[in-house]
Amino acid sequence: MRFLLPLLLPLLISCEPWRLERAARARCQEGLAVVQRVAAMNRGTMSVSDRGRTVAELKIALNLFRDGLASYAKAEEKTGKAYDVTAYLEGLKAARMMMMELKD
């Protein structure tokens, strides 16, 4: 049994970036789905309570993007592999713009 751990340790370490990448993708995709759902809404005719709920949803999306992008950064640090996150950065930007629009 004591010989098994040194053999398995490199395998466990090599799986960590893959898990980070998978978690990052899931969080960013979830945030992107929220932004797309809010973008499809008619924000000009929303009531005050609807605006509040939508801002709360966008805050959740921002947190999902931040967590996902941080996980991508950790995975990139460990593997040296570059990930294409442009769609997620654009979603983050769109979420911020919609929040500014709804807060007025």
N, C-alpha and C. Protein backbone atom coordinates (compact mmCIF):
# COMPACT_ATOMS: atom_id res chain seq x y z
N MET A 1 0.81 -1.20 0.00
CA MET A 1 0.00 0.00 0.00
C MET A 1 0.86 1.26 0.00
N ARG A 2 1.97 1.23 0.71
CA ARG A 2 2.79 2.45 0.78
C ARG A 2 3.46 2.75 -0.56
N PHE A 3 3.56 1.77 -1.45
CA PHE A 3 4.14 2.00 -2.77
C PHE A 3 3.11 2.55 -3.75
N LEU A 4 1.85 2.41 -3.41
CA LEU A 4 0.78 2.84 -4.29
C LEU A 4 0.67 4.37 -4.35
N LEU A 5 0.83 5.04 -3.22
CA LEU A 5 0.70 6.49 -3.18
C LEU A 5 1.71 7.20 -4.09
N PRO A 6 3.00 6.87 -4.07
CA PRO A 6 3.92 7.54 -4.99
C PRO A 6 3.59 7.29 -6.46
N LEU A 7 2.97 6.17 -6.76
CA LEU A 7 2.59 5.90 -8.15
C LEU A 7 1.36 6.69 -8.57
N LEU A 8 0.45 6.88 -7.65
CA LEU A 8 -0.80 7.57 -7.98
C LEU A 8 -0.70 9.09 -7.84
N LEU A 9 0.22 9.60 -7.08
CA LEU A 9 0.33 11.04 -6.84
C LEU A 9 0.50 11.84 -8.13
N PRO A 10 1.37 11.45 -9.07
CA PRO A 10 1.46 12.22 -10.31
C PRO A 10 0.16 12.22 -11.11
N LEU A 11 -0.58 11.14 -11.05
CA LEU A 11 -1.86 11.09 -11.75
C LEU A 11 -2.87 12.04 -11.13
N LEU A 12 -2.89 12.10 -9.80
CA LEU A 12 -3.82 12.99 -9.13
C LEU A 12 -3.47 14.45 -9.40
N ILE A 13 -2.20 14.77 -9.43
CA ILE A 13 -1.77 16.15 -9.70
C ILE A 13 -2.09 16.54 -11.13
N SER A 14 -1.92 15.64 -12.06
CA SER A 14 -2.19 15.97 -13.46
C SER A 14 -3.67 16.14 -13.74
N CYS A 15 -4.55 15.60 -12.90
CA CYS A 15 -6.00 15.73 -13.09
C CYS A 15 -6.52 17.06 -12.57
N GLU A 16 -5.78 17.72 -11.69
CA GLU A 16 -6.26 18.96 -11.09
C GLU A 16 -6.53 20.06 -12.11
N PRO A 17 -5.64 20.35 -13.06
CA PRO A 17 -5.96 21.39 -14.05
C PRO A 17 -7.19 21.05 -14.88
N TRP A 18 -7.37 19.78 -15.18
CA TRP A 18 -8.55 19.37 -15.93
C TRP A 18 -9.82 19.67 -15.15
N ARG A 19 -9.79 19.41 -13.85
CA ARG A 19 -10.95 19.70 -13.00
C ARG A 19 -11.19 21.20 -12.91
N LEU A 20 -10.12 21.97 -12.79
CA LEU A 20 -10.25 23.43 -12.76
C LEU A 20 -10.87 23.94 -14.06
N GLU A 21 -10.39 23.42 -15.17
CA GLU A 21 -10.92 23.84 -16.48
C GLU A 21 -12.40 23.49 -16.60
N ARG A 22 -12.77 22.31 -16.17
CA ARG A 22 -14.16 21.88 -16.25
C ARG A 22 -15.06 22.75 -15.37
N ALA A 23 -14.60 23.04 -14.16
CA ALA A 23 -15.38 23.89 -13.25
C ALA A 23 -15.47 25.32 -13.80
N ALA A 24 -14.38 25.81 -14.36
CA ALA A 24 -14.37 27.16 -14.92
C ALA A 24 -15.35 27.26 -16.08
N ARG A 25 -15.33 26.29 -16.96
CA ARG A 25 -16.24 26.30 -18.10
C ARG A 25 -17.69 26.25 -17.65
N ALA A 26 -17.98 25.43 -16.66
CA ALA A 26 -19.36 25.30 -16.17
C ALA A 26 -19.85 26.62 -15.57
N ARG A 27 -19.02 27.27 -14.78
CA ARG A 27 -19.42 28.53 -14.16
C ARG A 27 -19.60 29.63 -15.20
N CYS A 28 -18.66 29.72 -16.12
CA CYS A 28 -18.75 30.76 -17.15
C CYS A 28 -19.95 30.53 -18.07
N GLN A 29 -20.23 29.29 -18.41
CA GLN A 29 -21.39 28.99 -19.25
C GLN A 29 -22.69 29.33 -18.52
N GLU A 30 -22.73 29.08 -17.23
CA GLU A 30 -23.91 29.41 -16.45
C GLU A 30 -24.11 30.93 -16.39
N GLY A 31 -23.02 31.66 -16.20
CA GLY A 31 -23.09 33.12 -16.20
C GLY A 31 -23.52 33.66 -17.55
N LEU A 32 -23.01 33.06 -18.62
CA LEU A 32 -23.38 33.47 -19.97
C LEU A 32 -24.86 33.22 -20.23
N ALA A 33 -25.38 32.12 -19.72
CA ALA A 33 -26.81 31.82 -19.90
C ALA A 33 -27.68 32.87 -19.20
N VAL A 34 -27.27 33.30 -18.01
CA VAL A 34 -28.01 34.33 -17.30
C VAL A 34 -28.00 35.64 -18.09
N VAL A 35 -26.83 36.01 -18.60
CA VAL A 35 -26.72 37.26 -19.36
C VAL A 35 -27.58 37.19 -20.63
N GLN A 36 -27.57 36.07 -21.30
CA GLN A 36 -28.37 35.93 -22.52
C GLN A 36 -29.87 35.98 -22.21
N ARG A 37 -30.27 35.40 -21.09
CA ARG A 37 -31.68 35.44 -20.69
C ARG A 37 -32.11 36.87 -20.38
N VAL A 38 -31.26 37.62 -19.67
CA VAL A 38 -31.59 39.01 -19.34
C VAL A 38 -31.56 39.88 -20.59
N ALA A 39 -30.64 39.61 -21.50
CA ALA A 39 -30.57 40.40 -22.73
C ALA A 39 -31.81 40.23 -23.58
N ALA A 40 -32.47 39.09 -23.48
CA ALA A 40 -33.68 38.84 -24.27
C ALA A 40 -34.90 39.53 -23.68
N MET A 41 -34.79 40.01 -22.44
CA MET A 41 -35.93 40.68 -21.79
C MET A 41 -36.07 42.10 -22.32
N ASN A 42 -37.29 42.61 -22.23
CA ASN A 42 -37.55 44.01 -22.58
C ASN A 42 -37.30 44.84 -21.32
N ARG A 43 -36.10 45.34 -21.17
CA ARG A 43 -35.71 46.03 -19.96
C ARG A 43 -36.31 47.43 -19.85
N GLY A 44 -36.78 47.99 -20.95
CA GLY A 44 -37.34 49.34 -20.93
C GLY A 44 -38.68 49.43 -20.24
N THR A 45 -39.44 48.36 -20.23
CA THR A 45 -40.79 48.39 -19.65
C THR A 45 -40.87 47.63 -18.33
N MET A 46 -39.76 47.38 -17.69
CA MET A 46 -39.76 46.62 -16.43
C MET A 46 -40.24 47.49 -15.27
N SER A 47 -40.93 46.84 -14.35
CA SER A 47 -41.31 47.53 -13.12
C SER A 47 -40.08 47.63 -12.21
N VAL A 48 -40.22 48.38 -11.14
CA VAL A 48 -39.10 48.57 -10.21
C VAL A 48 -38.71 47.25 -9.56
N SER A 49 -39.69 46.43 -9.20
CA SER A 49 -39.37 45.15 -8.56
C SER A 49 -38.70 44.20 -9.56
N ASP A 50 -39.15 44.23 -10.81
CA ASP A 50 -38.51 43.39 -11.84
C ASP A 50 -37.07 43.83 -12.08
N ARG A 51 -36.86 45.13 -12.06
CA ARG A 51 -35.49 45.64 -12.23
C ARG A 51 -34.59 45.15 -11.10
N GLY A 52 -35.12 45.17 -9.88
CA GLY A 52 -34.35 44.70 -8.73
C GLY A 52 -33.98 43.23 -8.85
N ARG A 53 -34.95 42.43 -9.27
CA ARG A 53 -34.67 40.99 -9.45
C ARG A 53 -33.66 40.76 -10.58
N THR A 54 -33.78 41.54 -11.63
CA THR A 54 -32.86 41.38 -12.76
C THR A 54 -31.45 41.80 -12.37
N VAL A 55 -31.32 42.87 -11.59
CA VAL A 55 -30.00 43.29 -11.11
C VAL A 55 -29.41 42.20 -10.22
N ALA A 56 -30.23 41.58 -9.39
CA ALA A 56 -29.75 40.48 -8.54
C ALA A 56 -29.26 39.31 -9.39
N GLU A 57 -29.99 38.99 -10.47
CA GLU A 57 -29.55 37.92 -11.37
C GLU A 57 -28.22 38.28 -12.03
N LEU A 58 -28.08 39.54 -12.42
CA LEU A 58 -26.83 39.96 -13.07
C LEU A 58 -25.66 39.92 -12.09
N LYS A 59 -25.92 40.22 -10.82
CA LYS A 59 -24.85 40.11 -9.82
C LYS A 59 -24.40 38.67 -9.67
N ILE A 60 -25.36 37.75 -9.72
CA ILE A 60 -25.02 36.33 -9.67
C ILE A 60 -24.17 35.96 -10.89
N ALA A 61 -24.56 36.46 -12.06
CA ALA A 61 -23.79 36.19 -13.28
C ALA A 61 -22.37 36.75 -13.16
N LEU A 62 -22.23 37.95 -12.61
CA LEU A 62 -20.90 38.53 -12.44
C LEU A 62 -20.04 37.67 -11.53
N ASN A 63 -20.62 37.17 -10.45
CA ASN A 63 -19.87 36.30 -9.54
C ASN A 63 -19.48 34.99 -10.23
N LEU A 64 -20.39 34.45 -11.03
CA LEU A 64 -20.07 33.22 -11.77
C LEU A 64 -18.91 33.47 -12.74
N PHE A 65 -18.95 34.58 -13.45
CA PHE A 65 -17.86 34.91 -14.37
C PHE A 65 -16.54 35.08 -13.63
N ARG A 66 -16.57 35.79 -12.51
CA ARG A 66 -15.33 36.01 -11.74
C ARG A 66 -14.74 34.69 -11.25
N ASP A 67 -15.60 33.84 -10.70
CA ASP A 67 -15.11 32.53 -10.22
C ASP A 67 -14.58 31.68 -11.37
N GLY A 68 -15.32 31.66 -12.46
CA GLY A 68 -14.90 30.87 -13.62
C GLY A 68 -13.60 31.35 -14.21
N LEU A 69 -13.46 32.66 -14.37
CA LEU A 69 -12.24 33.21 -14.95
C LEU A 69 -11.05 33.01 -14.01
N ALA A 70 -11.30 33.06 -12.70
CA ALA A 70 -10.21 32.78 -11.74
C ALA A 70 -9.77 31.32 -11.85
N SER A 71 -10.72 30.42 -12.04
CA SER A 71 -10.36 29.00 -12.20
C SER A 71 -9.60 28.78 -13.50
N TYR A 72 -10.00 29.48 -14.56
CA TYR A 72 -9.25 29.40 -15.82
C TYR A 72 -7.82 29.90 -15.61
N ALA A 73 -7.65 30.96 -14.86
CA ALA A 73 -6.31 31.49 -14.61
C ALA A 73 -5.45 30.49 -13.83
N LYS A 74 -6.05 29.83 -12.85
CA LYS A 74 -5.31 28.82 -12.09
C LYS A 74 -4.93 27.64 -12.97
N ALA A 75 -5.86 27.20 -13.82
CA ALA A 75 -5.56 26.09 -14.72
C ALA A 75 -4.48 26.48 -15.71
N GLU A 76 -4.53 27.70 -16.20
CA GLU A 76 -3.50 28.18 -17.14
C GLU A 76 -2.13 28.25 -16.47
N GLU A 77 -2.14 28.65 -15.21
CA GLU A 77 -0.90 28.73 -14.44
C GLU A 77 -0.26 27.35 -14.26
N LYS A 78 -1.10 26.35 -14.05
CA LYS A 78 -0.58 25.00 -13.81
C LYS A 78 -0.15 24.29 -15.09
N THR A 79 -0.86 24.55 -16.19
CA THR A 79 -0.57 23.82 -17.42
C THR A 79 0.21 24.61 -18.45
N GLY A 80 0.12 25.93 -18.39
CA GLY A 80 0.75 26.76 -19.41
C GLY A 80 -0.10 26.86 -20.67
N LYS A 81 -1.26 26.23 -20.66
CA LYS A 81 -2.16 26.23 -21.80
C LYS A 81 -3.02 27.49 -21.75
N ALA A 82 -3.21 28.13 -22.90
CA ALA A 82 -4.05 29.32 -22.98
C ALA A 82 -5.47 28.92 -23.35
N TYR A 83 -6.43 29.49 -22.67
CA TYR A 83 -7.84 29.18 -22.91
C TYR A 83 -8.51 30.36 -23.60
N ASP A 84 -9.45 30.08 -24.48
CA ASP A 84 -10.18 31.12 -25.18
C ASP A 84 -11.36 31.55 -24.31
N VAL A 85 -11.25 32.70 -23.68
CA VAL A 85 -12.28 33.19 -22.77
C VAL A 85 -12.93 34.47 -23.30
N THR A 86 -12.76 34.77 -24.58
CA THR A 86 -13.29 36.02 -25.11
C THR A 86 -14.81 36.11 -24.98
N ALA A 87 -15.52 35.03 -25.20
CA ALA A 87 -16.98 35.05 -25.08
C ALA A 87 -17.39 35.36 -23.65
N TYR A 88 -16.64 34.84 -22.68
CA TYR A 88 -16.96 35.08 -21.28
C TYR A 88 -16.63 36.51 -20.87
N LEU A 89 -15.54 37.06 -21.40
CA LEU A 89 -15.20 38.45 -21.12
C LEU A 89 -16.24 39.39 -21.73
N GLU A 90 -16.73 39.06 -22.92
CA GLU A 90 -17.79 39.86 -23.54
C GLU A 90 -19.08 39.75 -22.74
N GLY A 91 -19.38 38.58 -22.23
CA GLY A 91 -20.56 38.40 -21.38
C GLY A 91 -20.45 39.19 -20.10
N LEU A 92 -19.25 39.22 -19.52
CA LEU A 92 -19.00 40.00 -18.31
C LEU A 92 -19.22 41.48 -18.59
N LYS A 93 -18.70 41.95 -19.71
CA LYS A 93 -18.87 43.35 -20.10
C LYS A 93 -20.35 43.67 -20.32
N ALA A 94 -21.06 42.79 -21.00
CA ALA A 94 -22.49 43.00 -21.26
C ALA A 94 -23.28 43.03 -19.95
N ALA A 95 -22.93 42.17 -19.01
CA ALA A 95 -23.62 42.15 -17.72
C ALA A 95 -23.41 43.46 -16.98
N ARG A 96 -22.19 43.97 -17.00
CA ARG A 96 -21.91 45.26 -16.34
C ARG A 96 -22.70 46.39 -16.99
N MET A 97 -22.76 46.38 -18.31
CA MET A 97 -23.50 47.43 -19.01
C MET A 97 -24.99 47.36 -18.71
N MET A 98 -25.55 46.15 -18.67
CA MET A 98 -26.97 46.01 -18.36
C MET A 98 -27.27 46.43 -16.94
N MET A 99 -26.35 46.16 -16.02
CA MET A 99 -26.55 46.58 -14.63
C MET A 99 -26.57 48.10 -14.54
N MET A 100 -25.67 48.75 -15.25
CA MET A 100 -25.64 50.23 -15.25
C MET A 100 -26.95 50.77 -15.83
N GLU A 101 -27.44 50.13 -16.88
CA GLU A 101 -28.68 50.54 -17.54
C GLU A 101 -29.87 50.39 -16.58
N LEU A 102 -29.89 49.31 -15.82
CA LEU A 102 -31.02 49.04 -14.94
C LEU A 102 -30.99 49.86 -13.66
N LYS A 103 -29.82 50.31 -13.25
CA LYS A 103 -29.72 51.08 -12.02
C LYS A 103 -30.16 52.53 -12.21
N ASP A 104 -30.19 53.00 -13.44
CA ASP A 104 -30.61 54.40 -13.69
C ASP A 104 -32.06 54.62 -13.41
